[in-house]
Amino acid sequence: MRSSARARARAQRKSAVGVLVLVSLIVLGFSPETVEAARKSAAQCPDRVDINSADLATLRCLPGIGEKRAQAILDYRERHGVFTGPAALAAVVGVKLAAKLRPQIRVSPP
């Protein structure tokens, strides 16, 4: 009887490990990063985004910019006028994200 109990316990552990692996694969397959990457590639995003003329959908092509931040950029442009340079974006999205986005944005002259 002891050996059958051990065999059942071993089988249960293997099943639990299998379930954990399956759940991990599902979660990784539908992670926010994966969903965002698919959305951006489907939107035909440009290599560089002009933050002075981009619409909401185009701004969302930038990594770290979702709907709320894109709308905040549009609101800032409406209240304060055009961005004078890439560093001016920091007023809306923060210094770290603005620095990260610098190679992916451009600023058209006013």
PDB file of N, CA and C in Angstrom:
ATOM      1  N   MET A   1       0.803  -1.193   0.000  1.00  0.00           N
ATOM      2  CA  MET A   1       0.000   0.000   0.000  1.00  0.00           C
ATOM      3  C   MET A   1       0.853   1.266   0.000  1.00  0.00           C
ATOM      4  N   ARG A   2       1.955   1.199   0.675  1.00  0.00           N
ATOM      5  CA  ARG A   2       2.804   2.382   0.725  1.00  0.00           C
ATOM      6  C   ARG A   2       3.286   2.776  -0.659  1.00  0.00           C
ATOM      7  N   SER A   3       3.648   1.805  -1.461  1.00  0.00           N
ATOM      8  CA  SER A   3       4.158   2.126  -2.791  1.00  0.00           C
ATOM      9  C   SER A   3       3.065   2.705  -3.677  1.00  0.00           C
ATOM     10  N   SER A   4       1.823   2.252  -3.540  1.00  0.00           N
ATOM     11  CA  SER A   4       0.741   2.820  -4.349  1.00  0.00           C
ATOM     12  C   SER A   4       0.424   4.243  -3.899  1.00  0.00           C
ATOM     13  N   ALA A   5       0.536   4.524  -2.623  1.00  0.00           N
ATOM     14  CA  ALA A   5       0.309   5.883  -2.127  1.00  0.00           C
ATOM     15  C   ALA A   5       1.405   6.812  -2.644  1.00  0.00           C
ATOM     16  N   ARG A   6       2.621   6.309  -2.672  1.00  0.00           N
ATOM     17  CA  ARG A   6       3.732   7.105  -3.199  1.00  0.00           C
ATOM     18  C   ARG A   6       3.551   7.350  -4.691  1.00  0.00           C
ATOM     19  N   ALA A   7       3.101   6.345  -5.389  1.00  0.00           N
ATOM     20  CA  ALA A   7       2.883   6.481  -6.832  1.00  0.00           C
ATOM     21  C   ALA A   7       1.796   7.508  -7.111  1.00  0.00           C
ATOM     22  N   ARG A   8       0.729   7.474  -6.314  1.00  0.00           N
ATOM     23  CA  ARG A   8      -0.341   8.473  -6.489  1.00  0.00           C
ATOM     24  C   ARG A   8       0.167   9.875  -6.192  1.00  0.00           C
ATOM     25  N   ALA A   9       0.948  10.020  -5.132  1.00  0.00           N
ATOM     26  CA  ALA A   9       1.497  11.334  -4.774  1.00  0.00           C
ATOM     27  C   ALA A   9       2.417  11.845  -5.878  1.00  0.00           C
ATOM     28  N   ARG A  10       3.230  10.948  -6.434  1.00  0.00           N
ATOM     29  CA  ARG A  10       4.127  11.323  -7.522  1.00  0.00           C
ATOM     30  C   ARG A  10       3.329  11.755  -8.749  1.00  0.00           C
ATOM     31  N   ALA A  11       2.274  11.027  -9.056  1.00  0.00           N
ATOM     32  CA  ALA A  11       1.425  11.368 -10.208  1.00  0.00           C
ATOM     33  C   ALA A  11       0.745  12.717  -9.998  1.00  0.00           C
ATOM     34  N   GLN A  12       0.318  12.991  -8.763  1.00  0.00           N
ATOM     35  CA  GLN A  12      -0.325  14.277  -8.469  1.00  0.00           C
ATOM     36  C   GLN A  12       0.671  15.425  -8.631  1.00  0.00           C
ATOM     37  N   ARG A  13       1.906  15.215  -8.189  1.00  0.00           N
ATOM     38  CA  ARG A  13       2.928  16.261  -8.344  1.00  0.00           C
ATOM     39  C   ARG A  13       3.202  16.528  -9.815  1.00  0.00           C
ATOM     40  N   LYS A  14       3.287  15.461 -10.609  1.00  0.00           N
ATOM     41  CA  LYS A  14       3.512  15.629 -12.042  1.00  0.00           C
ATOM     42  C   LYS A  14       2.354  16.378 -12.681  1.00  0.00           C
ATOM     43  N   SER A  15       1.135  16.055 -12.268  1.00  0.00           N
ATOM     44  CA  SER A  15      -0.034  16.757 -12.806  1.00  0.00           C
ATOM     45  C   SER A  15      -0.001  18.229 -12.421  1.00  0.00           C
ATOM     46  N   ALA A  16       0.369  18.501 -11.175  1.00  0.00           N
ATOM     47  CA  ALA A  16       0.426  19.887 -10.712  1.00  0.00           C
ATOM     48  C   ALA A  16       1.480  20.668 -11.486  1.00  0.00           C
ATOM     49  N   VAL A  17       2.619  20.059 -11.723  1.00  0.00           N
ATOM     50  CA  VAL A  17       3.673  20.723 -12.496  1.00  0.00           C
ATOM     51  C   VAL A  17       3.192  20.979 -13.914  1.00  0.00           C
ATOM     52  N   GLY A  18       2.513  20.018 -14.502  1.00  0.00           N
ATOM     53  CA  GLY A  18       1.979  20.187 -15.855  1.00  0.00           C
ATOM     54  C   GLY A  18       0.990  21.330 -15.932  1.00  0.00           C
ATOM     55  N   VAL A  19       0.124  21.420 -14.941  1.00  0.00           N
ATOM     56  CA  VAL A  19      -0.863  22.504 -14.907  1.00  0.00           C
ATOM     57  C   VAL A  19      -0.157  23.846 -14.759  1.00  0.00           C
ATOM     58  N   LEU A  20       0.842  23.920 -13.896  1.00  0.00           N
ATOM     59  CA  LEU A  20       1.585  25.172 -13.719  1.00  0.00           C
ATOM     60  C   LEU A  20       2.285  25.595 -15.006  1.00  0.00           C
ATOM     61  N   VAL A  21       2.868  24.651 -15.703  1.00  0.00           N
ATOM     62  CA  VAL A  21       3.529  24.968 -16.973  1.00  0.00           C
ATOM     63  C   VAL A  21       2.510  25.473 -17.980  1.00  0.00           C
ATOM     64  N   LEU A  22       1.372  24.807 -18.065  1.00  0.00           N
ATOM     65  CA  LEU A  22       0.324  25.214 -19.003  1.00  0.00           C
ATOM     66  C   LEU A  22      -0.191  26.616 -18.682  1.00  0.00           C
ATOM     67  N   VAL A  23      -0.453  26.886 -17.418  1.00  0.00           N
ATOM     68  CA  VAL A  23      -0.934  28.210 -17.009  1.00  0.00           C
ATOM     69  C   VAL A  23       0.123  29.271 -17.314  1.00  0.00           C
ATOM     70  N   SER A  24       1.385  28.962 -17.061  1.00  0.00           N
ATOM     71  CA  SER A  24       2.458  29.917 -17.354  1.00  0.00           C
ATOM     72  C   SER A  24       2.517  30.249 -18.835  1.00  0.00           C
ATOM     73  N   LEU A  25       2.390  29.232 -19.673  1.00  0.00           N
ATOM     74  CA  LEU A  25       2.411  29.472 -21.116  1.00  0.00           C
ATOM     75  C   LEU A  25       1.235  30.332 -21.555  1.00  0.00           C
ATOM     76  N   ILE A  26       0.078  30.079 -20.982  1.00  0.00           N
ATOM     77  CA  ILE A  26      -1.105  30.873 -21.335  1.00  0.00           C
ATOM     78  C   ILE A  26      -0.914  32.321 -20.904  1.00  0.00           C
ATOM     79  N   VAL A  27      -0.441  32.518 -19.681  1.00  0.00           N
ATOM     80  CA  VAL A  27      -0.247  33.876 -19.165  1.00  0.00           C
ATOM     81  C   VAL A  27       0.802  34.614 -19.983  1.00  0.00           C
ATOM     82  N   LEU A  28       1.898  33.967 -20.302  1.00  0.00           N
ATOM     83  CA  LEU A  28       2.939  34.625 -21.088  1.00  0.00           C
ATOM     84  C   LEU A  28       2.470  34.910 -22.502  1.00  0.00           C
ATOM     85  N   GLY A  29       1.635  34.062 -23.030  1.00  0.00           N
ATOM     86  CA  GLY A  29       1.119  34.273 -24.380  1.00  0.00           C
ATOM     87  C   GLY A  29       0.190  35.466 -24.469  1.00  0.00           C
ATOM     88  N   PHE A  30      -0.465  35.811 -23.383  1.00  0.00           N
ATOM     89  CA  PHE A  30      -1.411  36.920 -23.374  1.00  0.00           C
ATOM     90  C   PHE A  30      -0.984  38.021 -22.417  1.00  0.00           C
ATOM     91  N   SER A  31       0.307  38.187 -22.241  1.00  0.00           N
ATOM     92  CA  SER A  31       0.802  39.225 -21.348  1.00  0.00           C
ATOM     93  C   SER A  31       0.521  40.598 -21.953  1.00  0.00           C
ATOM     94  N   PRO A  32       0.473  41.649 -21.137  1.00  0.00           N
ATOM     95  CA  PRO A  32       0.226  42.996 -21.665  1.00  0.00           C
ATOM     96  C   PRO A  32       1.241  43.411 -22.724  1.00  0.00           C
ATOM     97  N   GLU A  33       2.497  42.982 -22.560  1.00  0.00           N
ATOM     98  CA  GLU A  33       3.515  43.344 -23.540  1.00  0.00           C
ATOM     99  C   GLU A  33       3.212  42.723 -24.897  1.00  0.00           C
ATOM    100  N   THR A  34       2.770  41.468 -24.886  1.00  0.00           N
ATOM    101  CA  THR A  34       2.452  40.782 -26.135  1.00  0.00           C
ATOM    102  C   THR A  34       1.253  41.420 -26.808  1.00  0.00           C
ATOM    103  N   VAL A  35       0.237  41.736 -26.018  1.00  0.00           N
ATOM    104  CA  VAL A  35      -0.964  42.365 -26.566  1.00  0.00           C
ATOM    105  C   VAL A  35      -0.627  43.738 -27.134  1.00  0.00           C
ATOM    106  N   GLU A  36       0.185  44.515 -26.403  1.00  0.00           N
ATOM    107  CA  GLU A  36       0.563  45.856 -26.873  1.00  0.00           C
ATOM    108  C   GLU A  36       1.376  45.773 -28.163  1.00  0.00           C
ATOM    109  N   ALA A  37       2.290  44.826 -28.229  1.00  0.00           N
ATOM    110  CA  ALA A  37       3.105  44.675 -29.440  1.00  0.00           C
ATOM    111  C   ALA A  37       2.238  44.314 -30.639  1.00  0.00           C
ATOM    112  N   ALA A  38       1.268  43.445 -30.438  1.00  0.00           N
ATOM    113  CA  ALA A  38       0.374  43.063 -31.538  1.00  0.00           C
ATOM    114  C   ALA A  38      -0.465  44.253 -31.985  1.00  0.00           C
ATOM    115  N   ARG A  39      -0.938  45.039 -31.012  1.00  0.00           N
ATOM    116  CA  ARG A  39      -1.759  46.204 -31.346  1.00  0.00           C
ATOM    117  C   ARG A  39      -0.947  47.217 -32.147  1.00  0.00           C
ATOM    118  N   LYS A  40       0.282  47.428 -31.740  1.00  0.00           N
ATOM    119  CA  LYS A  40       1.121  48.416 -32.409  1.00  0.00           C
ATOM    120  C   LYS A  40       1.508  47.974 -33.812  1.00  0.00           C
ATOM    121  N   SER A  41       1.786  46.706 -33.992  1.00  0.00           N
ATOM    122  CA  SER A  41       2.152  46.248 -35.333  1.00  0.00           C
ATOM    123  C   SER A  41       0.947  46.283 -36.256  1.00  0.00           C
ATOM    124  N   ALA A  42      -0.233  46.041 -35.712  1.00  0.00           N
ATOM    125  CA  ALA A  42      -1.446  46.084 -36.529  1.00  0.00           C
ATOM    126  C   ALA A  42      -1.791  47.515 -36.927  1.00  0.00           C
ATOM    127  N   ALA A  43      -1.363  48.483 -36.153  1.00  0.00           N
ATOM    128  CA  ALA A  43      -1.700  49.882 -36.418  1.00  0.00           C
ATOM    129  C   ALA A  43      -0.782  50.515 -37.466  1.00  0.00           C
ATOM    130  N   GLN A  44       0.174  49.767 -37.992  1.00  0.00           N
ATOM    131  CA  GLN A  44       1.108  50.303 -38.987  1.00  0.00           C
ATOM    132  C   GLN A  44       1.787  51.567 -38.456  1.00  0.00           C
ATOM    133  N   CYS A  45       2.483  51.418 -37.386  1.00  0.00           N
ATOM    134  CA  CYS A  45       3.133  52.541 -36.727  1.00  0.00           C
ATOM    135  C   CYS A  45       4.369  52.999 -37.492  1.00  0.00           C
ATOM    136  N   PRO A  46       4.595  54.315 -37.522  1.00  0.00           N
ATOM    137  CA  PRO A  46       5.795  54.842 -38.186  1.00  0.00           C
ATOM    138  C   PRO A  46       7.042  54.561 -37.346  1.00  0.00           C
ATOM    139  N   ASP A  47       8.206  54.668 -37.971  1.00  0.00           N
ATOM    140  CA  ASP A  47       9.463  54.471 -37.245  1.00  0.00           C
ATOM    141  C   ASP A  47       9.660  55.548 -36.187  1.00  0.00           C
ATOM    142  N   ARG A  48       9.352  56.794 -36.552  1.00  0.00           N
ATOM    143  CA  ARG A  48       9.444  57.911 -35.615  1.00  0.00           C
ATOM    144  C   ARG A  48       8.124  58.660 -35.629  1.00  0.00           C
ATOM    145  N   VAL A  49       7.692  59.085 -34.459  1.00  0.00           N
ATOM    146  CA  VAL A  49       6.406  59.758 -34.307  1.00  0.00           C
ATOM    147  C   VAL A  49       6.640  61.238 -34.046  1.00  0.00           C
ATOM    148  N   ASP A  50       5.993  62.087 -34.840  1.00  0.00           N
ATOM    149  CA  ASP A  50       6.057  63.535 -34.633  1.00  0.00           C
ATOM    150  C   ASP A  50       5.047  63.889 -33.545  1.00  0.00           C
ATOM    151  N   ILE A  51       5.544  64.253 -32.375  1.00  0.00           N
ATOM    152  CA  ILE A  51       4.644  64.499 -31.248  1.00  0.00           C
ATOM    153  C   ILE A  51       3.840  65.788 -31.393  1.00  0.00           C
ATOM    154  N   ASN A  52       4.181  66.633 -32.357  1.00  0.00           N
ATOM    155  CA  ASN A  52       3.408  67.857 -32.576  1.00  0.00           C
ATOM    156  C   ASN A  52       2.248  67.667 -33.539  1.00  0.00           C
ATOM    157  N   SER A  53       2.236  66.587 -34.291  1.00  0.00           N
ATOM    158  CA  SER A  53       1.147  66.402 -35.254  1.00  0.00           C
ATOM    159  C   SER A  53       0.456  65.048 -35.142  1.00  0.00           C
ATOM    160  N   ALA A  54       0.960  64.160 -34.309  1.00  0.00           N
ATOM    161  CA  ALA A  54       0.401  62.809 -34.206  1.00  0.00           C
ATOM    162  C   ALA A  54      -0.976  62.821 -33.553  1.00  0.00           C
ATOM    163  N   ASP A  55      -1.827  61.920 -34.034  1.00  0.00           N
ATOM    164  CA  ASP A  55      -3.134  61.753 -33.410  1.00  0.00           C
ATOM    165  C   ASP A  55      -3.017  60.715 -32.285  1.00  0.00           C
ATOM    166  N   LEU A  56      -4.137  60.448 -31.631  1.00  0.00           N
ATOM    167  CA  LEU A  56      -4.159  59.540 -30.488  1.00  0.00           C
ATOM    168  C   LEU A  56      -3.616  58.163 -30.860  1.00  0.00           C
ATOM    169  N   ALA A  57      -4.075  57.599 -31.962  1.00  0.00           N
ATOM    170  CA  ALA A  57      -3.653  56.251 -32.362  1.00  0.00           C
ATOM    171  C   ALA A  57      -2.160  56.198 -32.660  1.00  0.00           C
ATOM    172  N   THR A  58      -1.637  57.224 -33.289  1.00  0.00           N
ATOM    173  CA  THR A  58      -0.209  57.242 -33.619  1.00  0.00           C
ATOM    174  C   THR A  58       0.636  57.399 -32.364  1.00  0.00           C
ATOM    175  N   LEU A  59       0.197  58.218 -31.430  1.00  0.00           N
ATOM    176  CA  LEU A  59       0.932  58.375 -30.173  1.00  0.00           C
ATOM    177  C   LEU A  59       0.975  57.059 -29.404  1.00  0.00           C
ATOM    178  N   ARG A  60      -0.079  56.286 -29.502  1.00  0.00           N
ATOM    179  CA  ARG A  60      -0.128  55.002 -28.799  1.00  0.00           C
ATOM    180  C   ARG A  60       0.854  53.994 -29.376  1.00  0.00           C
ATOM    181  N   CYS A  61       1.421  54.271 -30.521  1.00  0.00           N
ATOM    182  CA  CYS A  61       2.447  53.396 -31.098  1.00  0.00           C
ATOM    183  C   CYS A  61       3.732  53.426 -30.279  1.00  0.00           C
ATOM    184  N   LEU A  62       3.926  54.484 -29.525  1.00  0.00           N
ATOM    185  CA  LEU A  62       5.148  54.622 -28.737  1.00  0.00           C
ATOM    186  C   LEU A  62       5.101  53.693 -27.525  1.00  0.00           C
ATOM    187  N   PRO A  63       6.217  53.019 -27.208  1.00  0.00           N
ATOM    188  CA  PRO A  63       6.230  52.126 -26.049  1.00  0.00           C
ATOM    189  C   PRO A  63       6.025  52.911 -24.757  1.00  0.00           C
ATOM    190  N   GLY A  64       5.161  52.410 -23.911  1.00  0.00           N
ATOM    191  CA  GLY A  64       4.871  53.075 -22.645  1.00  0.00           C
ATOM    192  C   GLY A  64       3.784  54.124 -22.745  1.00  0.00           C
ATOM    193  N   ILE A  65       3.252  54.340 -23.940  1.00  0.00           N
ATOM    194  CA  ILE A  65       2.189  55.327 -24.134  1.00  0.00           C
ATOM    195  C   ILE A  65       0.897  54.583 -24.448  1.00  0.00           C
ATOM    196  N   GLY A  66       0.007  54.604 -23.492  1.00  0.00           N
ATOM    197  CA  GLY A  66      -1.315  54.023 -23.692  1.00  0.00           C
ATOM    198  C   GLY A  66      -2.303  55.126 -24.015  1.00  0.00           C
ATOM    199  N   GLU A  67      -3.562  54.796 -23.887  1.00  0.00           N
ATOM    200  CA  GLU A  67      -4.597  55.769 -24.249  1.00  0.00           C
ATOM    201  C   GLU A  67      -4.567  57.005 -23.346  1.00  0.00           C
ATOM    202  N   LYS A  68      -4.378  56.800 -22.041  1.00  0.00           N
ATOM    203  CA  LYS A  68      -4.391  57.941 -21.113  1.00  0.00           C
ATOM    204  C   LYS A  68      -3.219  58.894 -21.353  1.00  0.00           C
ATOM    205  N   ARG A  69      -2.028  58.341 -21.529  1.00  0.00           N
ATOM    206  CA  ARG A  69      -0.869  59.213 -21.766  1.00  0.00           C
ATOM    207  C   ARG A  69      -0.959  59.886 -23.126  1.00  0.00           C
ATOM    208  N   ALA A  70      -1.451  59.174 -24.116  1.00  0.00           N
ATOM    209  CA  ALA A  70      -1.613  59.783 -25.441  1.00  0.00           C
ATOM    210  C   ALA A  70      -2.585  60.954 -25.359  1.00  0.00           C
ATOM    211  N   GLN A  71      -3.679  60.771 -24.626  1.00  0.00           N
ATOM    212  CA  GLN A  71      -4.648  61.852 -24.464  1.00  0.00           C
ATOM    213  C   GLN A  71      -4.032  63.014 -23.688  1.00  0.00           C
ATOM    214  N   ALA A  72      -3.194  62.706 -22.695  1.00  0.00           N
ATOM    215  CA  ALA A  72      -2.519  63.764 -21.934  1.00  0.00           C
ATOM    216  C   ALA A  72      -1.588  64.578 -22.835  1.00  0.00           C
ATOM    217  N   ILE A  73      -0.925  63.916 -23.778  1.00  0.00           N
ATOM    218  CA  ILE A  73      -0.056  64.623 -24.732  1.00  0.00           C
ATOM    219  C   ILE A  73      -0.894  65.546 -25.607  1.00  0.00           C
ATOM    220  N   LEU A  74      -2.026  65.049 -26.092  1.00  0.00           N
ATOM    221  CA  LEU A  74      -2.914  65.879 -26.915  1.00  0.00           C
ATOM    222  C   LEU A  74      -3.456  67.062 -26.122  1.00  0.00           C
ATOM    223  N   ASP A  75      -3.842  66.827 -24.867  1.00  0.00           N
ATOM    224  CA  ASP A  75      -4.350  67.906 -24.012  1.00  0.00           C
ATOM    225  C   ASP A  75      -3.271  68.958 -23.764  1.00  0.00           C
ATOM    226  N   TYR A  76      -2.039  68.504 -23.523  1.00  0.00           N
ATOM    227  CA  TYR A  76      -0.929  69.432 -23.305  1.00  0.00           C
ATOM    228  C   TYR A  76      -0.720  70.302 -24.544  1.00  0.00           C
ATOM    229  N   ARG A  77      -0.728  69.688 -25.709  1.00  0.00           N
ATOM    230  CA  ARG A  77      -0.553  70.433 -26.962  1.00  0.00           C
ATOM    231  C   ARG A  77      -1.650  71.467 -27.136  1.00  0.00           C
ATOM    232  N   GLU A  78      -2.861  71.113 -26.770  1.00  0.00           N
ATOM    233  CA  GLU A  78      -3.982  72.041 -26.926  1.00  0.00           C
ATOM    234  C   GLU A  78      -3.861  73.220 -25.962  1.00  0.00           C
ATOM    235  N   ARG A  79      -3.436  72.963 -24.734  1.00  0.00           N
ATOM    236  CA  ARG A  79      -3.326  74.021 -23.724  1.00  0.00           C
ATOM    237  C   ARG A  79      -2.082  74.882 -23.887  1.00  0.00           C
ATOM    238  N   HIS A  80      -0.943  74.250 -24.214  1.00  0.00           N
ATOM    239  CA  HIS A  80       0.338  74.963 -24.198  1.00  0.00           C
ATOM    240  C   HIS A  80       0.946  75.200 -25.573  1.00  0.00           C
ATOM    241  N   GLY A  81       0.344  74.683 -26.598  1.00  0.00           N
ATOM    242  CA  GLY A  81       0.930  74.809 -27.936  1.00  0.00           C
ATOM    243  C   GLY A  81       1.859  73.642 -28.228  1.00  0.00           C
ATOM    244  N   VAL A  82       2.608  73.772 -29.297  1.00  0.00           N
ATOM    245  CA  VAL A  82       3.458  72.666 -29.738  1.00  0.00           C
ATOM    246  C   VAL A  82       4.635  72.443 -28.797  1.00  0.00           C
ATOM    247  N   PHE A  83       5.174  71.239 -28.847  1.00  0.00           N
ATOM    248  CA  PHE A  83       6.375  70.919 -28.086  1.00  0.00           C
ATOM    249  C   PHE A  83       7.562  71.577 -28.786  1.00  0.00           C
ATOM    250  N   THR A  84       8.466  72.156 -27.997  1.00  0.00           N
ATOM    251  CA  THR A  84       9.616  72.851 -28.572  1.00  0.00           C
ATOM    252  C   THR A  84      10.787  71.917 -28.832  1.00  0.00           C
ATOM    253  N   GLY A  85      10.784  70.765 -28.217  1.00  0.00           N
ATOM    254  CA  GLY A  85      11.849  69.779 -28.404  1.00  0.00           C
ATOM    255  C   GLY A  85      11.472  68.487 -27.712  1.00  0.00           C
ATOM    256  N   PRO A  86      12.241  67.435 -27.927  1.00  0.00           N
ATOM    257  CA  PRO A  86      11.925  66.154 -27.302  1.00  0.00           C
ATOM    258  C   PRO A  86      11.909  66.211 -25.779  1.00  0.00           C
ATOM    259  N   ALA A  87      12.758  67.044 -25.193  1.00  0.00           N
ATOM    260  CA  ALA A  87      12.814  67.141 -23.736  1.00  0.00           C
ATOM    261  C   ALA A  87      11.529  67.717 -23.154  1.00  0.00           C
ATOM    262  N   ALA A  88      10.800  68.506 -23.923  1.00  0.00           N
ATOM    263  CA  ALA A  88       9.557  69.104 -23.435  1.00  0.00           C
ATOM    264  C   ALA A  88       8.492  68.048 -23.155  1.00  0.00           C
ATOM    265  N   LEU A  89       8.623  66.883 -23.753  1.00  0.00           N
ATOM    266  CA  LEU A  89       7.673  65.796 -23.514  1.00  0.00           C
ATOM    267  C   LEU A  89       7.716  65.329 -22.062  1.00  0.00           C
ATOM    268  N   ALA A  90       8.823  65.569 -21.376  1.00  0.00           N
ATOM    269  CA  ALA A  90       8.975  65.159 -19.980  1.00  0.00           C
ATOM    270  C   ALA A  90       7.929  65.799 -19.082  1.00  0.00           C
ATOM    271  N   ALA A  91       7.427  66.964 -19.453  1.00  0.00           N
ATOM    272  CA  ALA A  91       6.394  67.624 -18.655  1.00  0.00           C
ATOM    273  C   ALA A  91       5.112  66.800 -18.613  1.00  0.00           C
ATOM    274  N   VAL A  92       4.917  65.949 -19.594  1.00  0.00           N
ATOM    275  CA  VAL A  92       3.693  65.154 -19.672  1.00  0.00           C
ATOM    276  C   VAL A  92       3.921  63.720 -19.207  1.00  0.00           C
ATOM    277  N   VAL A  93       4.996  63.089 -19.669  1.00  0.00           N
ATOM    278  CA  VAL A  93       5.180  61.657 -19.408  1.00  0.00           C
ATOM    279  C   VAL A  93       6.261  61.349 -18.380  1.00  0.00           C
ATOM    280  N   GLY A  94       6.982  62.350 -17.937  1.00  0.00           N
ATOM    281  CA  GLY A  94       8.052  62.117 -16.974  1.00  0.00           C
ATOM    282  C   GLY A  94       9.404  62.038 -17.662  1.00  0.00           C
ATOM    283  N   VAL A  95      10.435  62.289 -16.886  1.00  0.00           N
ATOM    284  CA  VAL A  95      11.791  62.384 -17.417  1.00  0.00           C
ATOM    285  C   VAL A  95      12.287  61.041 -17.957  1.00  0.00           C
ATOM    286  N   LYS A  96      12.070  59.957 -17.202  1.00  0.00           N
ATOM    287  CA  LYS A  96      12.593  58.651 -17.622  1.00  0.00           C
ATOM    288  C   LYS A  96      11.961  58.176 -18.922  1.00  0.00           C
ATOM    289  N   LEU A  97      10.645  58.265 -19.010  1.00  0.00           N
ATOM    290  CA  LEU A  97       9.977  57.799 -20.224  1.00  0.00           C
ATOM    291  C   LEU A  97      10.320  58.698 -21.407  1.00  0.00           C
ATOM    292  N   ALA A  98      10.408  60.001 -21.176  1.00  0.00           N
ATOM    293  CA  ALA A  98      10.771  60.918 -22.264  1.00  0.00           C
ATOM    294  C   ALA A  98      12.166  60.588 -22.801  1.00  0.00           C
ATOM    295  N   ALA A  99      13.094  60.266 -21.914  1.00  0.00           N
ATOM    296  CA  ALA A  99      14.448  59.895 -22.349  1.00  0.00           C
ATOM    297  C   ALA A  99      14.424  58.588 -23.134  1.00  0.00           C
ATOM    298  N   LYS A 100      13.603  57.654 -22.698  1.00  0.00           N
ATOM    299  CA  LYS A 100      13.488  56.369 -23.395  1.00  0.00           C
ATOM    300  C   LYS A 100      12.882  56.549 -24.790  1.00  0.00           C
ATOM    301  N   LEU A 101      11.958  57.487 -24.921  1.00  0.00           N
ATOM    302  CA  LEU A 101      11.264  57.703 -26.187  1.00  0.00           C
ATOM    303  C   LEU A 101      12.046  58.572 -27.170  1.00  0.00           C
ATOM    304  N   ARG A 102      13.051  59.250 -26.697  1.00  0.00           N
ATOM    305  CA  ARG A 102      13.769  60.227 -27.533  1.00  0.00           C
ATOM    306  C   ARG A 102      14.155  59.705 -28.925  1.00  0.00           C
ATOM    307  N   PRO A 103      14.700  58.477 -29.066  1.00  0.00           N
ATOM    308  CA  PRO A 103      15.060  58.003 -30.412  1.00  0.00           C
ATOM    309  C   PRO A 103      13.850  57.707 -31.307  1.00  0.00           C
ATOM    310  N   GLN A 104      12.676  57.602 -30.705  1.00  0.00           N
ATOM    311  CA  GLN A 104      11.495  57.213 -31.472  1.00  0.00           C
ATOM    312  C   GLN A 104      10.558  58.367 -31.781  1.00  0.00           C
ATOM    313  N   ILE A 105      10.930  59.567 -31.330  1.00  0.00           N
ATOM    314  CA  ILE A 105      10.059  60.715 -31.594  1.00  0.00           C
ATOM    315  C   ILE A 105      10.818  61.773 -32.383  1.00  0.00           C
ATOM    316  N   ARG A 106      10.052  62.630 -32.995  1.00  0.00           N
ATOM    317  CA  ARG A 106      10.618  63.819 -33.629  1.00  0.00           C
ATOM    318  C   ARG A 106       9.661  64.959 -33.339  1.00  0.00           C
ATOM    319  N   VAL A 107      10.172  66.177 -33.465  1.00  0.00           N
ATOM    320  CA  VAL A 107       9.380  67.363 -33.173  1.00  0.00           C
ATOM    321  C   VAL A 107       9.427  68.265 -34.393  1.00  0.00           C
ATOM    322  N   SER A 108       8.267  68.429 -35.027  1.00  0.00           N
ATOM    323  CA  SER A 108       8.213  69.320 -36.189  1.00  0.00           C
ATOM    324  C   SER A 108       8.281  70.760 -35.708  1.00  0.00           C
ATOM    325  N   PRO A 109       8.848  71.641 -36.508  1.00  0.00           N
ATOM    326  CA  PRO A 109       8.941  73.045 -36.099  1.00  0.00           C
ATOM    327  C   PRO A 109       7.550  73.665 -35.990  1.00  0.00           C
ATOM    328  N   PRO A 110       7.415  74.611 -35.073  1.00  0.00           N
ATOM    329  CA  PRO A 110       6.099  75.262 -34.890  1.00  0.00           C
ATOM    330  C   PRO A 110       5.678  76.087 -36.085  1.00  0.00           C
TER     331      PRO A 110
END
